[in-house]
Amino acid sequence: MNDKTLSQRMNELKEEGYSIDFNLKDDKITNNNDSYMPEDFNVDRIFRFEGMTNPADNSILYAISTNDGKKGLLVDGYGITGGQVSKELREKLKR
């Protein structure tokens, strides 16, 4: 069980250098400037959060580092299995 809120955990990770906001896009993660295939990044940590009033209201926070030295966060509001992403990306984010 996670004892902190999503925003508290995000703020802590930003202080550790995870400053980029990543998004899911088909078979990769992206930010404003770059795209990364599953082999181009590592999932350093995963945090799961449940809604206070509805346990089905899940969020997952991924702390990610890329092979070119960037660090950022990816928030998936429903869990990776709920999105329309490639099998390779889904497997990478399950770790």
C-alpha atoms as a PDB file:
ATOM      1  CA  MET A   1       0.000   0.000   0.000  1.00  0.00           C
ATOM      2  CA  ASN A   2       1.236   3.459  -0.885  1.00  0.00           C
ATOM      3  CA  ASP A   3       1.223   5.891   2.036  1.00  0.00           C
ATOM      4  CA  LYS A   4       1.580   9.021  -0.114  1.00  0.00           C
ATOM      5  CA  THR A   5      -0.627  10.671  -2.692  1.00  0.00           C
ATOM      6  CA  LEU A   6       0.205  10.681  -6.383  1.00  0.00           C
ATOM      7  CA  SER A   7       1.155  14.368  -6.308  1.00  0.00           C
ATOM      8  CA  GLN A   8       3.349  13.939  -3.213  1.00  0.00           C
ATOM      9  CA  ARG A   9       5.221  11.057  -4.838  1.00  0.00           C
ATOM     10  CA  MET A  10       5.591  13.012  -8.105  1.00  0.00           C
ATOM     11  CA  ASN A  11       7.070  15.980  -6.228  1.00  0.00           C
ATOM     12  CA  GLU A  12       9.586  13.726  -4.473  1.00  0.00           C
ATOM     13  CA  LEU A  13      10.646  12.141  -7.752  1.00  0.00           C
ATOM     14  CA  LYS A  14      10.980  15.547  -9.420  1.00  0.00           C
ATOM     15  CA  GLU A  15      13.402  16.507  -6.626  1.00  0.00           C
ATOM     16  CA  GLU A  16      15.386  13.372  -7.587  1.00  0.00           C
ATOM     17  CA  GLY A  17      15.659  14.640 -11.166  1.00  0.00           C
ATOM     18  CA  TYR A  18      12.645  13.002 -12.815  1.00  0.00           C
ATOM     19  CA  SER A  19      11.613  16.268 -14.471  1.00  0.00           C
ATOM     20  CA  ILE A  20      10.274  15.235 -17.889  1.00  0.00           C
ATOM     21  CA  ASP A  21       6.595  14.420 -18.437  1.00  0.00           C
ATOM     22  CA  PHE A  22       6.287  11.334 -20.632  1.00  0.00           C
ATOM     23  CA  ASN A  23       3.156  10.225 -22.503  1.00  0.00           C
ATOM     24  CA  LEU A  24       2.104   6.889 -24.012  1.00  0.00           C
ATOM     25  CA  LYS A  25       1.921   6.843 -27.816  1.00  0.00           C
ATOM     26  CA  ASP A  26       1.162   3.520 -29.553  1.00  0.00           C
ATOM     27  CA  ASP A  27       4.488   1.634 -29.349  1.00  0.00           C
ATOM     28  CA  LYS A  28       6.606   4.228 -27.504  1.00  0.00           C
ATOM     29  CA  ILE A  29       6.732   6.896 -24.827  1.00  0.00           C
ATOM     30  CA  THR A  30       7.132  10.527 -25.850  1.00  0.00           C
ATOM     31  CA  ASN A  31       7.687  14.016 -24.522  1.00  0.00           C
ATOM     32  CA  ASN A  32       7.612  17.296 -26.435  1.00  0.00           C
ATOM     33  CA  ASN A  33      10.970  16.675 -28.083  1.00  0.00           C
ATOM     34  CA  ASP A  34      11.750  12.962 -28.122  1.00  0.00           C
ATOM     35  CA  SER A  35      10.299   9.481 -28.561  1.00  0.00           C
ATOM     36  CA  TYR A  36      11.574   6.299 -26.923  1.00  0.00           C
ATOM     37  CA  MET A  37      10.907   2.721 -27.933  1.00  0.00           C
ATOM     38  CA  PRO A  38      10.802   0.091 -25.137  1.00  0.00           C
ATOM     39  CA  GLU A  39      14.472  -0.794 -25.638  1.00  0.00           C
ATOM     40  CA  ASP A  40      15.445   2.896 -25.213  1.00  0.00           C
ATOM     41  CA  PHE A  41      14.351   3.339 -21.585  1.00  0.00           C
ATOM     42  CA  ASN A  42      14.218   1.669 -18.182  1.00  0.00           C
ATOM     43  CA  VAL A  43      11.466   1.678 -15.593  1.00  0.00           C
ATOM     44  CA  ASP A  44      13.262   2.567 -12.374  1.00  0.00           C
ATOM     45  CA  ARG A  45      10.278   2.484 -10.020  1.00  0.00           C
ATOM     46  CA  ILE A  46       6.532   1.885 -10.122  1.00  0.00           C
ATOM     47  CA  PHE A  47       3.943   3.266  -7.695  1.00  0.00           C
ATOM     48  CA  ARG A  48       0.276   2.252  -7.676  1.00  0.00           C
ATOM     49  CA  PHE A  49      -2.537   4.377  -6.300  1.00  0.00           C
ATOM     50  CA  GLU A  50      -6.208   3.572  -5.675  1.00  0.00           C
ATOM     51  CA  GLY A  51      -8.979   6.133  -5.533  1.00  0.00           C
ATOM     52  CA  MET A  52     -10.205   6.980  -2.043  1.00  0.00           C
ATOM     53  CA  THR A  53     -13.870   6.423  -2.870  1.00  0.00           C
ATOM     54  CA  ASN A  54     -13.549   3.840  -5.634  1.00  0.00           C
ATOM     55  CA  PRO A  55     -10.789   1.183  -5.610  1.00  0.00           C
ATOM     56  CA  ALA A  56     -11.299   0.708  -9.356  1.00  0.00           C
ATOM     57  CA  ASP A  57     -10.123   4.296  -9.851  1.00  0.00           C
ATOM     58  CA  ASN A  58      -6.442   3.358 -10.261  1.00  0.00           C
ATOM     59  CA  SER A  59      -3.385   5.366 -11.237  1.00  0.00           C
ATOM     60  CA  ILE A  60       0.120   4.108 -11.843  1.00  0.00           C
ATOM     61  CA  LEU A  61       3.212   6.309 -11.682  1.00  0.00           C
ATOM     62  CA  TYR A  62       6.353   5.208 -13.513  1.00  0.00           C
ATOM     63  CA  ALA A  63       9.784   6.727 -12.830  1.00  0.00           C
ATOM     64  CA  ILE A  64      11.677   6.320 -16.109  1.00  0.00           C
ATOM     65  CA  SER A  65      15.265   6.861 -17.226  1.00  0.00           C
ATOM     66  CA  THR A  66      16.218   6.846 -20.890  1.00  0.00           C
ATOM     67  CA  ASN A  67      19.352   5.463 -22.508  1.00  0.00           C
ATOM     68  CA  ASP A  68      20.384   9.029 -23.426  1.00  0.00           C
ATOM     69  CA  GLY A  69      20.368  10.138 -19.776  1.00  0.00           C
ATOM     70  CA  LYS A  70      16.957  11.778 -19.372  1.00  0.00           C
ATOM     71  CA  LYS A  71      14.678  11.116 -16.407  1.00  0.00           C
ATOM     72  CA  GLY A  72      10.954  11.607 -16.224  1.00  0.00           C
ATOM     73  CA  LEU A  73       7.550  10.459 -15.078  1.00  0.00           C
ATOM     74  CA  LEU A  74       4.694   8.690 -16.791  1.00  0.00           C
ATOM     75  CA  VAL A  75       1.239   8.554 -15.201  1.00  0.00           C
ATOM     76  CA  ASP A  76      -1.271   6.063 -16.517  1.00  0.00           C
ATOM     77  CA  GLY A  77      -4.749   6.732 -15.173  1.00  0.00           C
ATOM     78  CA  TYR A  78      -6.177   3.268 -15.761  1.00  0.00           C
ATOM     79  CA  GLY A  79      -3.211   0.918 -15.777  1.00  0.00           C
ATOM     80  CA  ILE A  80      -1.192  -0.089 -18.818  1.00  0.00           C
ATOM     81  CA  THR A  81      -3.558  -2.881 -19.815  1.00  0.00           C
ATOM     82  CA  GLY A  82      -6.347  -0.341 -20.338  1.00  0.00           C
ATOM     83  CA  GLY A  83      -4.568   1.653 -23.035  1.00  0.00           C
ATOM     84  CA  GLN A  84      -4.076   1.033 -26.718  1.00  0.00           C
ATOM     85  CA  VAL A  85      -0.332   0.384 -26.711  1.00  0.00           C
ATOM     86  CA  SER A  86       1.904  -2.245 -28.273  1.00  0.00           C
ATOM     87  CA  LYS A  87       2.563  -5.567 -26.579  1.00  0.00           C
ATOM     88  CA  GLU A  88       6.276  -4.685 -26.231  1.00  0.00           C
ATOM     89  CA  LEU A  89       5.521  -1.397 -24.480  1.00  0.00           C
ATOM     90  CA  ARG A  90       2.924  -3.040 -22.232  1.00  0.00           C
ATOM     91  CA  GLU A  91       5.452  -5.734 -21.216  1.00  0.00           C
ATOM     92  CA  LYS A  92       8.156  -3.137 -20.505  1.00  0.00           C
ATOM     93  CA  LEU A  93       5.856  -1.178 -18.196  1.00  0.00           C
ATOM     94  CA  LYS A  94       4.677  -4.276 -16.293  1.00  0.00           C
ATOM     95  CA  ARG A  95       8.101  -4.757 -14.696  1.00  0.00           C
END
